[in-house]
N, C-alpha and C. Protein backbone atom coordinates (compact mmCIF):
# COMPACT_ATOMS: atom_id res chain seq x y z
N MET A 1 -11.46 -23.78 108.42
CA MET A 1 -9.99 -23.36 108.43
C MET A 1 -9.21 -24.65 108.95
N SER A 2 -10.08 -24.86 109.94
CA SER A 2 -9.42 -25.48 111.42
C SER A 2 -8.95 -27.17 110.73
N SER A 3 -9.31 -27.24 109.19
CA SER A 3 -8.92 -28.98 109.03
C SER A 3 -7.60 -28.85 107.84
N ILE A 4 -7.31 -27.87 107.68
CA ILE A 4 -5.87 -27.57 107.19
C ILE A 4 -4.95 -27.16 108.28
N THR A 5 -3.82 -27.96 108.17
CA THR A 5 -2.82 -27.36 108.61
C THR A 5 -1.45 -27.58 108.35
N ILE A 6 -0.49 -26.57 108.34
CA ILE A 6 0.91 -26.68 107.38
C ILE A 6 1.82 -26.69 108.36
N ARG A 7 2.56 -27.43 108.00
CA ARG A 7 3.62 -28.28 108.65
C ARG A 7 4.87 -28.37 108.06
N PRO A 8 6.18 -28.34 108.41
CA PRO A 8 7.60 -28.09 107.99
C PRO A 8 7.93 -30.05 107.21
N ALA A 9 8.41 -30.07 106.66
CA ALA A 9 8.72 -31.11 106.25
C ALA A 9 9.79 -31.68 106.41
N THR A 10 9.59 -33.21 106.94
CA THR A 10 10.85 -33.61 107.16
C THR A 10 11.59 -34.40 106.62
N THR A 11 12.94 -35.20 106.51
CA THR A 11 13.17 -36.34 105.47
C THR A 11 12.46 -37.16 105.38
N GLN A 12 11.67 -37.54 106.42
CA GLN A 12 10.57 -38.38 105.64
C GLN A 12 9.80 -38.34 104.93
N ASP A 13 9.36 -37.16 104.65
CA ASP A 13 8.13 -36.46 103.50
C ASP A 13 8.97 -36.38 101.99
N ILE A 14 10.37 -36.93 101.78
CA ILE A 14 11.23 -36.13 100.74
C ILE A 14 10.33 -37.29 99.92
N GLY A 15 9.59 -38.80 100.09
CA GLY A 15 9.19 -38.97 98.63
C GLY A 15 7.84 -38.87 98.70
N LEU A 16 7.33 -38.26 99.76
CA LEU A 16 6.08 -37.42 99.22
C LEU A 16 5.96 -36.25 98.81
N LEU A 17 6.88 -35.52 99.01
CA LEU A 17 7.18 -34.53 97.99
C LEU A 17 7.42 -34.81 96.92
N THR A 18 8.30 -35.58 96.64
CA THR A 18 8.35 -36.48 94.87
C THR A 18 7.00 -36.66 94.23
N GLU A 19 6.39 -37.01 95.07
CA GLU A 19 5.05 -37.59 94.48
C GLU A 19 3.74 -36.57 94.77
N LEU A 20 3.99 -35.49 95.05
CA LEU A 20 2.96 -34.37 95.43
C LEU A 20 3.43 -33.60 94.14
N GLY A 21 4.52 -33.24 93.99
CA GLY A 21 5.32 -32.45 92.67
C GLY A 21 4.86 -33.15 91.50
N ARG A 22 4.88 -34.13 91.57
CA ARG A 22 5.03 -34.78 89.99
C ARG A 22 3.31 -35.18 89.76
N ILE A 23 2.35 -35.13 90.37
CA ILE A 23 1.05 -34.97 90.35
C ILE A 23 0.74 -33.64 90.12
N THR A 24 0.91 -32.68 90.90
CA THR A 24 0.63 -31.31 91.00
C THR A 24 1.06 -30.51 89.33
N PHE A 25 2.14 -31.13 89.57
CA PHE A 25 2.68 -29.99 88.25
C PHE A 25 1.85 -31.25 86.89
N THR A 26 1.54 -32.35 86.88
CA THR A 26 0.61 -32.57 85.94
C THR A 26 -0.38 -32.48 85.94
N GLU A 27 -0.90 -32.60 87.06
CA GLU A 27 -2.43 -31.65 86.63
C GLU A 27 -2.74 -30.55 86.30
N SER A 28 -1.33 -29.44 86.43
CA SER A 28 -1.84 -27.99 86.24
C SER A 28 -1.24 -28.02 84.76
N PHE A 29 -0.33 -28.69 84.60
CA PHE A 29 0.78 -28.39 83.11
C PHE A 29 0.50 -29.34 81.76
N SER A 30 0.32 -30.69 82.23
CA SER A 30 0.34 -31.70 81.08
C SER A 30 0.00 -31.64 79.80
N THR A 31 -1.70 -30.56 80.00
CA THR A 31 -2.47 -30.56 79.27
C THR A 31 -1.64 -29.69 77.84
N GLN A 32 -1.43 -28.71 78.77
CA GLN A 32 -0.59 -27.37 78.05
C GLN A 32 0.65 -27.38 77.19
N ASN A 33 1.32 -28.26 77.06
CA ASN A 33 2.20 -28.96 77.36
C ASN A 33 2.95 -29.71 75.79
N ASN A 34 3.87 -29.85 75.14
CA ASN A 34 3.64 -31.27 74.79
C ASN A 34 4.31 -32.08 75.12
N PRO A 35 3.73 -33.18 75.36
CA PRO A 35 3.89 -34.60 75.97
C PRO A 35 5.01 -34.86 76.09
N ALA A 36 6.36 -35.20 75.13
CA ALA A 36 7.35 -35.43 75.03
C ALA A 36 8.32 -34.12 75.96
N ASN A 37 8.38 -33.16 75.79
CA ASN A 37 9.48 -32.34 76.78
C ASN A 37 8.75 -32.63 78.40
N PHE A 38 7.17 -32.43 78.11
CA PHE A 38 6.67 -32.55 79.89
C PHE A 38 7.03 -34.35 80.08
N GLU A 39 7.37 -35.07 79.90
CA GLU A 39 7.65 -36.31 80.47
C GLU A 39 9.17 -36.41 80.60
N LYS A 40 10.11 -35.88 79.73
CA LYS A 40 11.63 -35.05 80.10
C LYS A 40 11.53 -34.34 81.23
N HIS A 41 11.49 -33.44 81.44
CA HIS A 41 11.28 -32.62 82.21
C HIS A 41 10.32 -33.27 83.92
N LEU A 42 9.44 -33.94 83.49
CA LEU A 42 9.59 -34.84 84.76
C LEU A 42 10.53 -35.64 85.50
N SER A 43 10.91 -36.47 84.27
CA SER A 43 11.81 -37.88 84.76
C SER A 43 13.12 -36.97 85.32
N LEU A 44 13.56 -35.68 84.76
CA LEU A 44 14.51 -35.11 85.49
C LEU A 44 14.82 -34.33 86.67
N GLN A 45 13.76 -33.78 86.94
CA GLN A 45 13.59 -32.81 87.76
C GLN A 45 12.91 -33.80 88.55
N HIS A 46 11.17 -33.88 88.46
CA HIS A 46 10.32 -34.32 89.95
C HIS A 46 10.33 -36.08 90.28
N VAL A 47 12.22 -36.15 90.70
CA VAL A 47 12.29 -37.59 91.04
C VAL A 47 12.93 -37.46 92.20
N PHE A 48 13.21 -38.28 93.21
CA PHE A 48 13.59 -38.55 94.48
C PHE A 48 15.43 -37.78 94.88
N PRO A 49 15.68 -38.48 93.77
CA PRO A 49 17.26 -37.72 93.67
C PRO A 49 17.16 -36.34 93.54
N VAL A 50 16.65 -35.81 92.74
CA VAL A 50 16.50 -34.69 93.16
C VAL A 50 16.25 -33.89 94.01
N ILE A 51 14.84 -33.97 94.41
CA ILE A 51 14.26 -33.39 95.33
C ILE A 51 14.52 -33.73 97.08
N GLU A 52 15.42 -34.50 97.20
CA GLU A 52 16.16 -35.09 98.08
C GLU A 52 17.29 -34.41 98.22
N LEU A 53 18.60 -33.90 97.43
CA LEU A 53 19.14 -33.01 97.17
C LEU A 53 18.96 -31.41 97.52
N GLU A 54 17.49 -30.74 96.93
CA GLU A 54 16.90 -29.54 96.85
C GLU A 54 16.54 -29.81 98.63
N PHE A 55 15.84 -30.58 98.91
CA PHE A 55 15.61 -30.50 100.77
C PHE A 55 16.62 -30.71 101.78
N LEU A 56 18.21 -31.18 101.10
CA LEU A 56 19.07 -31.29 102.01
C LEU A 56 20.01 -29.83 102.19
N ASP A 57 19.51 -28.86 100.82
CA ASP A 57 20.26 -27.68 100.74
C ASP A 57 19.47 -26.98 101.81
N PRO A 58 20.87 -26.23 102.86
CA PRO A 58 20.03 -25.33 103.99
C PRO A 58 19.08 -24.17 103.80
N SER A 59 19.56 -23.94 102.10
CA SER A 59 18.85 -22.60 101.83
C SER A 59 17.18 -22.76 101.72
N ASN A 60 17.04 -24.39 101.42
CA ASN A 60 15.45 -24.37 101.04
C ASN A 60 14.71 -25.31 102.54
N GLN A 61 13.65 -24.76 102.26
CA GLN A 61 12.75 -25.19 103.17
C GLN A 61 11.35 -25.41 102.65
N PHE A 62 11.06 -26.63 103.15
CA PHE A 62 9.62 -27.51 102.42
C PHE A 62 8.60 -27.49 103.27
N PHE A 63 7.49 -26.99 102.66
CA PHE A 63 6.26 -27.19 103.91
C PHE A 63 4.94 -28.22 103.29
N ILE A 64 4.25 -28.74 104.30
CA ILE A 64 3.36 -29.37 103.52
C ILE A 64 1.96 -29.34 104.43
N ALA A 65 0.80 -28.83 103.49
CA ALA A 65 -0.54 -28.68 103.93
C ALA A 65 -1.30 -30.26 103.66
N ASP A 66 -1.57 -30.08 105.44
CA ASP A 66 -2.37 -31.53 105.10
C ASP A 66 -4.01 -31.21 104.99
N HIS A 67 -5.01 -31.64 104.51
CA HIS A 67 -6.63 -31.11 105.17
C HIS A 67 -7.24 -32.56 105.20
N ARG A 68 -7.47 -32.55 106.44
CA ARG A 68 -7.89 -33.45 107.40
C ARG A 68 -7.02 -34.23 107.66
N GLY A 69 -6.08 -34.19 107.83
CA GLY A 69 -4.74 -35.53 107.97
C GLY A 69 -4.46 -36.19 106.18
N ASP A 70 -4.81 -35.52 105.39
CA ASP A 70 -4.63 -35.91 104.18
C ASP A 70 -3.44 -35.17 103.26
N PRO A 71 -2.42 -35.50 102.91
CA PRO A 71 -1.39 -34.02 102.34
C PRO A 71 -2.31 -33.49 101.04
N ALA A 72 -2.07 -32.60 101.16
CA ALA A 72 -3.33 -31.32 100.12
C ALA A 72 -2.08 -31.01 99.39
N GLY A 73 -0.84 -30.60 99.27
CA GLY A 73 0.02 -29.76 98.53
C GLY A 73 1.20 -29.46 99.46
N PHE A 74 2.21 -28.43 98.86
CA PHE A 74 3.40 -27.94 99.57
C PHE A 74 3.92 -26.93 98.84
N PHE A 75 4.73 -26.11 99.58
CA PHE A 75 5.53 -25.24 99.02
C PHE A 75 6.76 -25.05 99.61
N LYS A 76 7.72 -24.72 98.76
CA LYS A 76 9.14 -24.78 99.04
C LYS A 76 9.69 -23.57 98.89
N ILE A 77 10.48 -22.60 99.68
CA ILE A 77 11.22 -21.63 100.05
C ILE A 77 12.46 -21.23 99.59
N ILE A 78 12.99 -20.52 99.68
CA ILE A 78 14.48 -20.45 99.27
C ILE A 78 14.95 -18.92 99.77
N PHE A 79 15.93 -19.74 101.24
CA PHE A 79 16.27 -18.04 101.61
C PHE A 79 17.40 -17.43 101.34
N ASN A 80 17.65 -16.20 101.19
CA ASN A 80 18.76 -15.26 100.49
C ASN A 80 18.71 -15.71 98.97
N SER A 81 17.59 -15.40 98.16
CA SER A 81 17.46 -15.95 96.93
C SER A 81 17.62 -14.91 95.96
N ASP A 82 18.15 -14.20 95.22
CA ASP A 82 17.70 -12.70 94.38
C ASP A 82 18.18 -13.32 92.65
N GLU A 83 18.64 -14.29 92.50
CA GLU A 83 19.04 -14.23 91.33
C GLU A 83 19.89 -13.56 90.26
N ASP A 84 20.07 -12.94 91.31
CA ASP A 84 21.49 -11.70 91.06
C ASP A 84 20.49 -10.79 90.05
N HIS A 85 19.29 -10.89 90.36
CA HIS A 85 18.38 -9.95 89.46
C HIS A 85 18.78 -8.51 89.84
N SER A 86 18.84 -6.98 89.41
CA SER A 86 18.84 -6.27 89.93
C SER A 86 17.86 -5.45 90.27
N GLN A 87 16.32 -5.87 90.25
CA GLN A 87 15.85 -5.21 91.07
C GLN A 87 15.64 -6.22 92.51
N LEU A 88 16.38 -6.96 92.65
CA LEU A 88 16.39 -7.96 94.11
C LEU A 88 17.41 -7.76 94.72
N LYS A 89 18.21 -7.78 94.20
CA LYS A 89 20.22 -7.78 94.75
C LYS A 89 20.49 -6.93 95.80
N ASN A 90 19.61 -5.67 96.27
CA ASN A 90 20.06 -4.71 96.91
C ASN A 90 19.26 -5.42 98.39
N TYR A 91 18.22 -6.16 98.28
CA TYR A 91 17.60 -6.41 99.22
C TYR A 91 17.44 -7.81 99.66
N ARG A 92 17.18 -8.19 101.03
CA ARG A 92 17.30 -9.76 101.54
C ARG A 92 15.74 -9.83 100.82
N CYS A 93 15.70 -11.58 100.02
CA CYS A 93 15.19 -11.50 99.48
C CYS A 93 14.64 -13.22 99.75
N LEU A 94 13.23 -14.25 99.93
CA LEU A 94 13.14 -14.84 100.13
C LEU A 94 12.26 -14.99 98.80
N GLN A 95 12.42 -16.25 98.17
CA GLN A 95 11.95 -16.76 96.99
C GLN A 95 10.77 -18.19 97.53
N LEU A 96 9.33 -17.64 96.79
CA LEU A 96 8.72 -19.05 97.15
C LEU A 96 8.89 -19.36 95.34
N GLU A 97 9.23 -20.65 95.79
CA GLU A 97 9.71 -21.35 93.98
C GLU A 97 8.50 -22.34 93.94
N ARG A 98 8.22 -22.78 95.02
CA ARG A 98 6.86 -23.68 94.50
C ARG A 98 5.90 -23.52 95.55
N ILE A 99 4.95 -23.64 95.07
CA ILE A 99 3.28 -23.83 95.91
C ILE A 99 2.26 -24.61 94.95
N TYR A 100 2.18 -25.58 95.20
CA TYR A 100 1.28 -26.65 94.37
C TYR A 100 0.38 -27.05 95.52
N ILE A 101 -0.78 -27.15 95.04
CA ILE A 101 -2.25 -28.19 95.77
C ILE A 101 -2.47 -28.98 94.56
N LEU A 102 -2.96 -29.96 94.98
CA LEU A 102 -3.89 -31.15 94.54
C LEU A 102 -5.25 -30.40 94.12
N LYS A 103 -5.07 -30.62 92.52
CA LYS A 103 -6.51 -30.14 92.41
C LYS A 103 -8.13 -30.38 92.86
N LYS A 104 -7.96 -31.50 93.43
CA LYS A 104 -9.22 -31.52 94.19
C LYS A 104 -9.52 -30.98 95.72
N TYR A 105 -8.04 -30.26 96.16
CA TYR A 105 -8.32 -29.28 97.53
C TYR A 105 -8.27 -28.03 96.81
N GLN A 106 -7.48 -27.29 95.75
CA GLN A 106 -7.75 -26.33 94.92
C GLN A 106 -9.24 -25.66 95.68
N GLY A 107 -9.35 -24.31 95.73
CA GLY A 107 -10.47 -23.42 96.46
C GLY A 107 -10.76 -23.67 97.79
N LEU A 108 -10.14 -24.10 98.62
CA LEU A 108 -10.08 -24.18 100.32
C LEU A 108 -9.72 -23.40 100.46
N GLY A 109 -9.01 -22.36 100.21
CA GLY A 109 -8.44 -21.31 101.08
C GLY A 109 -6.62 -21.96 101.57
N ILE A 110 -6.13 -23.07 100.78
CA ILE A 110 -5.08 -23.56 101.30
C ILE A 110 -3.70 -22.94 100.88
N ALA A 111 -4.33 -22.49 99.49
CA ALA A 111 -2.99 -21.20 98.89
C ALA A 111 -2.80 -19.89 99.78
N ARG A 112 -4.22 -19.69 100.10
CA ARG A 112 -4.08 -18.42 101.08
C ARG A 112 -3.03 -18.70 102.21
N LEU A 113 -3.39 -19.66 103.02
CA LEU A 113 -2.94 -20.16 104.23
C LEU A 113 -1.44 -20.15 104.16
N MET A 114 -0.83 -21.01 102.81
CA MET A 114 0.68 -21.04 102.23
C MET A 114 1.14 -19.74 102.11
N LEU A 115 0.18 -18.67 101.42
CA LEU A 115 0.87 -17.87 101.58
C LEU A 115 1.20 -16.83 102.84
N GLU A 116 0.28 -16.91 103.65
CA GLU A 116 0.13 -16.35 104.97
C GLU A 116 1.75 -16.59 105.58
N GLN A 117 1.76 -18.18 105.50
CA GLN A 117 2.80 -18.77 106.31
C GLN A 117 4.04 -18.42 106.00
N VAL A 118 4.19 -18.08 104.38
CA VAL A 118 5.68 -17.69 103.79
C VAL A 118 5.62 -16.22 104.35
N THR A 119 4.60 -15.04 104.16
CA THR A 119 4.67 -13.81 104.51
C THR A 119 5.24 -13.82 106.03
N ASN A 120 4.70 -14.52 106.92
CA ASN A 120 5.36 -14.85 108.49
C ASN A 120 6.10 -15.15 108.42
N ILE A 121 7.01 -16.20 107.81
CA ILE A 121 8.51 -16.85 107.97
C ILE A 121 9.60 -15.09 107.13
N ALA A 122 8.97 -14.78 106.20
CA ALA A 122 9.29 -13.45 105.64
C ALA A 122 9.74 -12.32 106.84
N ARG A 123 8.62 -11.81 107.88
CA ARG A 123 8.32 -11.14 108.20
C ARG A 123 9.46 -11.56 109.63
N GLU A 124 9.57 -13.01 110.33
CA GLU A 124 9.90 -13.54 111.43
C GLU A 124 11.81 -13.43 111.17
N HIS A 125 12.07 -13.69 109.94
CA HIS A 125 13.37 -13.38 109.57
C HIS A 125 14.09 -11.93 108.74
N SER A 126 13.15 -11.25 108.87
CA SER A 126 13.53 -9.77 108.48
C SER A 126 14.16 -9.67 106.94
N PHE A 127 12.96 -10.39 106.12
CA PHE A 127 13.61 -10.08 104.44
C PHE A 127 12.11 -9.16 104.45
N GLU A 128 12.58 -8.73 102.86
CA GLU A 128 12.57 -7.51 102.44
C GLU A 128 11.26 -7.41 101.60
N ILE A 129 11.64 -8.80 101.01
CA ILE A 129 11.17 -8.64 99.81
C ILE A 129 10.65 -10.64 99.01
N ILE A 130 9.59 -11.05 99.37
CA ILE A 130 9.17 -12.47 98.82
C ILE A 130 8.92 -12.03 97.38
N TRP A 131 9.70 -12.83 96.65
CA TRP A 131 9.48 -12.95 95.26
C TRP A 131 8.97 -14.43 94.83
N LEU A 132 8.49 -14.50 93.31
CA LEU A 132 8.29 -15.82 92.57
C LEU A 132 8.14 -15.96 90.99
N GLY A 133 8.56 -17.28 90.68
CA GLY A 133 8.67 -17.14 88.99
C GLY A 133 7.29 -17.86 88.61
N VAL A 134 6.52 -17.55 87.64
CA VAL A 134 5.12 -17.84 87.23
C VAL A 134 5.13 -18.03 85.84
N TRP A 135 4.53 -18.85 85.34
CA TRP A 135 4.29 -19.00 83.47
C TRP A 135 3.90 -17.82 83.19
N GLU A 136 4.04 -17.39 82.23
CA GLU A 136 3.42 -16.67 81.66
C GLU A 136 1.70 -16.88 81.06
N LYS A 137 1.80 -18.36 80.65
CA LYS A 137 0.52 -18.87 80.35
C LYS A 137 -0.46 -18.61 81.30
N ASN A 138 -0.06 -18.93 82.42
CA ASN A 138 -0.62 -19.56 83.95
C ASN A 138 -1.52 -18.03 84.51
N GLU A 139 -2.61 -18.13 83.68
CA GLU A 139 -3.21 -16.91 83.93
C GLU A 139 -4.04 -16.74 85.16
N LYS A 140 -4.67 -18.31 85.76
CA LYS A 140 -5.17 -17.77 86.98
C LYS A 140 -4.08 -17.56 88.04
N ALA A 141 -2.93 -18.31 87.98
CA ALA A 141 -1.86 -18.10 88.96
C ALA A 141 -1.59 -16.46 88.47
N ASN A 142 -0.95 -15.90 88.06
CA ASN A 142 -1.09 -14.69 87.35
C ASN A 142 -1.90 -14.05 88.16
N LYS A 143 -3.03 -13.77 88.30
CA LYS A 143 -4.21 -13.33 88.70
C LYS A 143 -4.32 -13.62 90.31
N ILE A 144 -4.07 -14.59 90.47
CA ILE A 144 -4.22 -14.48 92.26
C ILE A 144 -3.03 -13.98 92.84
N TYR A 145 -1.44 -14.57 92.44
CA TYR A 145 -0.95 -13.23 92.64
C TYR A 145 -0.84 -12.08 92.97
N GLU A 146 -1.18 -11.21 91.94
CA GLU A 146 -1.88 -9.81 91.75
C GLU A 146 -2.86 -9.67 92.97
N HIS A 147 -3.77 -10.42 93.04
CA HIS A 147 -4.33 -10.50 94.01
C HIS A 147 -4.16 -10.07 95.50
N TRP A 148 -3.06 -11.22 95.61
CA TRP A 148 -2.32 -10.87 96.74
C TRP A 148 -1.08 -9.85 96.75
N GLY A 149 -1.02 -8.99 96.11
CA GLY A 149 -0.17 -8.04 96.34
C GLY A 149 1.15 -8.10 95.52
N PHE A 150 1.06 -9.27 94.79
CA PHE A 150 2.82 -9.34 93.49
C PHE A 150 2.46 -8.17 92.67
N GLU A 151 3.70 -7.73 92.31
CA GLU A 151 3.66 -7.19 90.66
C GLU A 151 4.79 -7.92 90.19
N LYS A 152 4.40 -7.58 89.17
CA LYS A 152 5.90 -8.07 87.66
C LYS A 152 6.58 -7.17 88.06
N PHE A 153 8.14 -7.95 87.56
CA PHE A 153 9.26 -6.91 87.39
C PHE A 153 10.08 -7.30 85.88
N GLY A 154 9.98 -8.34 86.02
CA GLY A 154 10.79 -8.85 85.00
C GLY A 154 10.19 -10.26 84.46
N SER A 155 11.04 -11.27 84.16
CA SER A 155 11.38 -12.19 83.46
C SER A 155 12.54 -13.55 83.43
N HIS A 156 12.08 -14.68 83.74
CA HIS A 156 13.35 -15.26 83.38
C HIS A 156 13.21 -16.71 82.80
N ILE A 157 13.88 -17.59 82.00
CA ILE A 157 13.45 -18.70 81.44
C ILE A 157 13.66 -19.42 82.34
N PHE A 158 12.32 -20.46 82.01
CA PHE A 158 12.17 -21.93 82.30
C PHE A 158 12.15 -22.58 81.56
N ASN A 159 13.18 -23.63 81.41
CA ASN A 159 13.48 -25.08 80.95
C ASN A 159 12.51 -26.30 81.10
N LEU A 160 12.01 -26.47 80.21
CA LEU A 160 10.18 -27.21 80.94
C LEU A 160 10.89 -28.75 79.46
N GLY A 161 12.00 -29.30 79.84
CA GLY A 161 12.31 -30.34 79.12
C GLY A 161 12.53 -30.22 77.47
N GLY A 162 13.27 -28.94 77.60
CA GLY A 162 13.78 -28.67 76.50
C GLY A 162 13.19 -27.35 75.75
N ASP A 163 11.72 -27.39 76.15
CA ASP A 163 11.07 -26.48 75.53
C ASP A 163 11.32 -24.88 76.45
N LEU A 164 12.02 -24.35 76.22
CA LEU A 164 12.18 -22.75 77.12
C LEU A 164 11.03 -21.81 77.35
N GLN A 165 10.64 -22.02 78.19
CA GLN A 165 9.16 -20.94 78.10
C GLN A 165 9.24 -19.55 79.63
N THR A 166 8.56 -19.03 78.92
CA THR A 166 9.60 -17.68 80.10
C THR A 166 7.81 -17.61 81.01
N ASP A 167 8.59 -17.40 82.47
CA ASP A 167 8.21 -17.22 83.47
C ASP A 167 7.81 -15.34 83.91
N PHE A 168 7.22 -15.10 84.22
CA PHE A 168 6.91 -13.61 85.06
C PHE A 168 7.79 -13.56 86.39
N LEU A 169 8.18 -12.64 86.35
CA LEU A 169 9.03 -12.86 87.83
C LEU A 169 8.21 -11.59 88.62
N MET A 170 7.63 -11.90 90.13
CA MET A 170 6.40 -11.12 90.43
C MET A 170 7.33 -11.08 92.24
N LYS A 171 7.33 -9.61 92.73
CA LYS A 171 7.47 -9.74 94.09
C LYS A 171 6.91 -9.27 94.86
N LYS A 172 6.84 -9.06 96.20
CA LYS A 172 6.06 -7.95 97.17
C LYS A 172 6.70 -7.92 97.86
N LYS A 173 6.23 -6.67 98.43
CA LYS A 173 7.28 -5.88 99.57
C LYS A 173 6.64 -6.35 100.80
N VAL A 174 7.88 -6.98 102.01
CA VAL A 174 7.24 -7.08 103.57
C VAL A 174 8.58 -6.44 103.91
N ASN A 175 7.71 -5.96 105.72
CA ASN A 175 8.69 -5.50 106.56
C ASN A 175 9.40 -4.11 105.66
N PRO A 176 7.99 -3.34 105.68
CA PRO A 176 8.46 -2.05 104.78
C PRO A 176 9.47 -1.37 105.95
N GLU A 177 9.48 -1.72 107.00
CA GLU A 177 10.19 -0.77 107.97
C GLU A 177 12.01 -0.63 107.99
N ILE A 178 11.80 -1.44 107.55
CA ILE A 178 13.47 -2.03 107.57
C ILE A 178 13.98 -1.04 106.77
N ARG A 179 13.81 -0.92 105.99
CA ARG A 179 14.46 0.83 105.11
C ARG A 179 14.27 1.48 105.84
């Protein structure tokens, strides 16, 4: 695992985050979606100006995982995010919005290290719940999150270039001693 490092992203990484997002999203979901909707989503959401705005929002924080010095993936967290969901709004919540790893680096334990980092951040900042949305058809990710202790508690709609898809909402309690 010493070949893997995770670091906070800087403003100089916005282009890299954009590129990693486009590549990993394409690797993971392009074959399962209508090409027109998929390309529309990429052109609207996975572009430098959008990622730059997200990066500059103080509620968001991005981290990059490197494998032997090469970018392997990234994750994005959102502080105090609850989507006004009834099962979240009475808790201090940290949202894991993206956890993307390039296909050639999957299976090396990078996702586990990323989730450990997210959990550590949640504990350090006294968050009670980490939550995320995951596409209902992404069986691999759903199983991984369940293995990591996340449980389903609802759903929301994800707009993929005009194709309205269902994401399962999953949560994991951290810092149970707070309440």
